[in-house]
C-alpha atoms as a PDB file:
ATOM      1  CA  VAL A   1      -0.485  11.570   0.416  1.00  0.00           C
ATOM      2  CA  VAL A   2      -0.187   9.755   4.078  1.00  0.00           C
ATOM      3  CA  PHE A   3      -1.774   6.407   4.601  1.00  0.00           C
ATOM      4  CA  GLY A   4      -2.139   4.566   7.401  1.00  0.00           C
ATOM      5  CA  ALA A   5      -0.060   1.093   8.346  1.00  0.00           C
ATOM      6  CA  GLU A   6      -0.860  -2.015   9.753  1.00  0.00           C
ATOM      7  CA  SER A   7       1.153  -5.241  11.028  1.00  0.00           C
ATOM      8  CA  GLY A   8      -0.859  -7.341   8.674  1.00  0.00           C
ATOM      9  CA  CYS A   9       0.112  -8.084   4.984  1.00  0.00           C
ATOM     10  CA  PHE A  10      -3.624  -8.337   3.422  1.00  0.00           C
ATOM     11  CA  PRO A  11      -4.588  -9.972   1.139  1.00  0.00           C
ATOM     12  CA  ASP A  12      -1.121 -11.304   0.028  1.00  0.00           C
ATOM     13  CA  TRP A  13      -0.017 -12.915   2.951  1.00  0.00           C
ATOM     14  CA  MET A  14      -2.477 -16.131   2.612  1.00  0.00           C
ATOM     15  CA  ALA A  15      -1.781 -16.418  -1.373  1.00  0.00           C
ATOM     16  CA  PRO A  16       0.831 -18.289  -2.759  1.00  0.00           C
ATOM     17  CA  PHE A  17       4.276 -16.990  -2.644  1.00  0.00           C
ATOM     18  CA  GLY A  18       2.487 -14.427  -0.652  1.00  0.00           C
ATOM     19  CA  ARG A  19       4.634 -14.590   2.515  1.00  0.00           C
ATOM     20  CA  SER A  20       7.847 -14.157   0.590  1.00  0.00           C
ATOM     21  CA  PHE A  21       6.408 -11.145  -1.200  1.00  0.00           C
ATOM     22  CA  CYS A  22       5.267  -9.219   1.864  1.00  0.00           C
ATOM     23  CA  GLU A  23       8.474 -10.005   3.666  1.00  0.00           C
ATOM     24  CA  GLY A  24      10.962  -9.268   0.573  1.00  0.00           C
ATOM     25  CA  ARG A  25       9.115  -6.513  -0.895  1.00  0.00           C
ATOM     26  CA  PHE A  26       7.852  -4.187   1.674  1.00  0.00           C
ATOM     27  CA  PRO A  27      10.687  -2.014   3.753  1.00  0.00           C
ATOM     28  CA  LYS A  28      11.652  -3.032   7.311  1.00  0.00           C
ATOM     29  CA  ALA A  29      10.010  -0.659   9.729  1.00  0.00           C
ATOM     30  CA  GLY A  30      11.405   0.316  13.021  1.00  0.00           C
ATOM     31  CA  GLY A  31       8.170  -1.193  14.669  1.00  0.00           C
ATOM     32  CA  GLU A  32       5.189  -3.465  14.029  1.00  0.00           C
ATOM     33  CA  TYR A  33       3.480  -1.350  11.846  1.00  0.00           C
ATOM     34  CA  ARG A  34       4.917  -2.142   8.160  1.00  0.00           C
ATOM     35  CA  TYR A  35       2.138  -2.825   5.635  1.00  0.00           C
ATOM     36  CA  ILE A  36      -0.149  -0.335   3.910  1.00  0.00           C
ATOM     37  CA  ASN A  37      -3.643  -0.097   4.703  1.00  0.00           C
ATOM     38  CA  SER A  38      -5.427   1.274   1.846  1.00  0.00           C
ATOM     39  CA  GLY A  39      -8.463   2.218   3.883  1.00  0.00           C
ATOM     40  CA  CYS A  40      -6.830   4.875   5.840  1.00  0.00           C
ATOM     41  CA  TRP A  41      -5.440   7.974   3.986  1.00  0.00           C
ATOM     42  CA  MET A  42      -5.144  11.660   3.675  1.00  0.00           C
ATOM     43  CA  GLY A  43      -3.449  14.336   1.159  1.00  0.00           C
ATOM     44  CA  SER A  44      -4.424  17.364  -0.494  1.00  0.00           C
ATOM     45  CA  ALA A  45      -6.749  16.966  -3.393  1.00  0.00           C
ATOM     46  CA  ALA A  46      -4.375  17.626  -5.990  1.00  0.00           C
ATOM     47  CA  ALA A  47      -1.840  14.619  -4.120  1.00  0.00           C
ATOM     48  CA  ALA A  48      -5.308  12.636  -3.711  1.00  0.00           C
ATOM     49  CA  PHE A  49      -6.158  13.100  -7.510  1.00  0.00           C
ATOM     50  CA  ALA A  50      -2.801  12.450  -9.085  1.00  0.00           C
ATOM     51  CA  LEU A  51      -2.437   9.228  -7.060  1.00  0.00           C
ATOM     52  CA  LEU A  52      -5.923   7.916  -7.311  1.00  0.00           C
ATOM     53  CA  THR A  53      -5.372   8.674 -11.319  1.00  0.00           C
ATOM     54  CA  ASP A  54      -2.341   6.351 -11.280  1.00  0.00           C
ATOM     55  CA  LEU A  55      -3.815   3.525  -9.337  1.00  0.00           C
ATOM     56  CA  ALA A  56      -6.831   3.690 -11.816  1.00  0.00           C
ATOM     57  CA  ALA A  57      -4.331   2.897 -14.721  1.00  0.00           C
ATOM     58  CA  TYR A  58      -2.237   0.638 -12.987  1.00  0.00           C
ATOM     59  CA  THR A  59      -5.549  -1.312 -11.690  1.00  0.00           C
ATOM     60  CA  PRO A  60      -5.675  -4.555 -13.746  1.00  0.00           C
ATOM     61  CA  GLY A  61      -9.287  -5.111 -13.989  1.00  0.00           C
ATOM     62  CA  ARG A  62     -12.619  -5.202 -12.083  1.00  0.00           C
ATOM     63  CA  GLY A  63     -13.028  -7.288  -8.807  1.00  0.00           C
ATOM     64  CA  VAL A  64      -9.333  -6.906  -7.566  1.00  0.00           C
ATOM     65  CA  ASP A  65      -9.002  -5.940  -3.833  1.00  0.00           C
ATOM     66  CA  ASP A  66      -7.927  -2.351  -3.636  1.00  0.00           C
ATOM     67  CA  GLN A  67      -5.666  -3.236  -0.465  1.00  0.00           C
ATOM     68  CA  GLN A  68      -4.006  -5.492  -2.852  1.00  0.00           C
ATOM     69  CA  VAL A  69      -3.541  -2.950  -5.651  1.00  0.00           C
ATOM     70  CA  VAL A  70      -2.348  -0.293  -3.579  1.00  0.00           C
ATOM     71  CA  SER A  71      -0.113  -2.542  -1.810  1.00  0.00           C
ATOM     72  CA  HIS A  72       1.622  -3.689  -5.113  1.00  0.00           C
ATOM     73  CA  TYR A  73       1.612  -0.168  -6.386  1.00  0.00           C
ATOM     74  CA  TYR A  74       3.522   1.059  -3.271  1.00  0.00           C
ATOM     75  CA  VAL A  75       6.349  -1.762  -3.321  1.00  0.00           C
ATOM     76  CA  ARG A  76       6.683  -1.392  -7.378  1.00  0.00           C
ATOM     77  CA  ALA A  77       6.471   2.778  -7.297  1.00  0.00           C
ATOM     78  CA  ALA A  78       9.042   2.726  -4.451  1.00  0.00           C
ATOM     79  CA  SER A  79       6.325   5.205  -2.433  1.00  0.00           C
ATOM     80  CA  SER A  80       7.409   8.283  -4.157  1.00  0.00           C
ATOM     81  CA  GLN A  81       3.950   9.805  -4.061  1.00  0.00           C
ATOM     82  CA  PHE A  82       2.942   8.620  -0.840  1.00  0.00           C
ATOM     83  CA  VAL A  83       4.452   7.740   2.671  1.00  0.00           C
ATOM     84  CA  LEU A  84       3.305   5.102   5.476  1.00  0.00           C
ATOM     85  CA  ASP A  85       2.425   6.342   9.013  1.00  0.00           C
ATOM     86  CA  ARG A  86       4.326   3.833  10.572  1.00  0.00           C
ATOM     87  CA  ASN A  87       3.982   5.021  14.199  1.00  0.00           C
ATOM     88  CA  ALA A  88       0.312   4.912  13.918  1.00  0.00           C
ATOM     89  CA  THR A  89      -0.239   8.700  14.755  1.00  0.00           C
END
């Protein structure tokens, strides 16, 4: 599954210790697009189903922002299930 990347680390950046989380946990990028954009993704049906199943199990409960869930899953799972399009292609 390929996710779009963006220059902002939403919603963590404004949270307590969010800036250090964003700067310390996300891999450095060659350009300005370093952070995941959970609203822009594509992949095969099988890969998407597997990822969404894992994300549902990983999500702590209702009322949690999808961007935050996907971002935290990405940095903890070592991105083995998906990659970022850091060039905005």
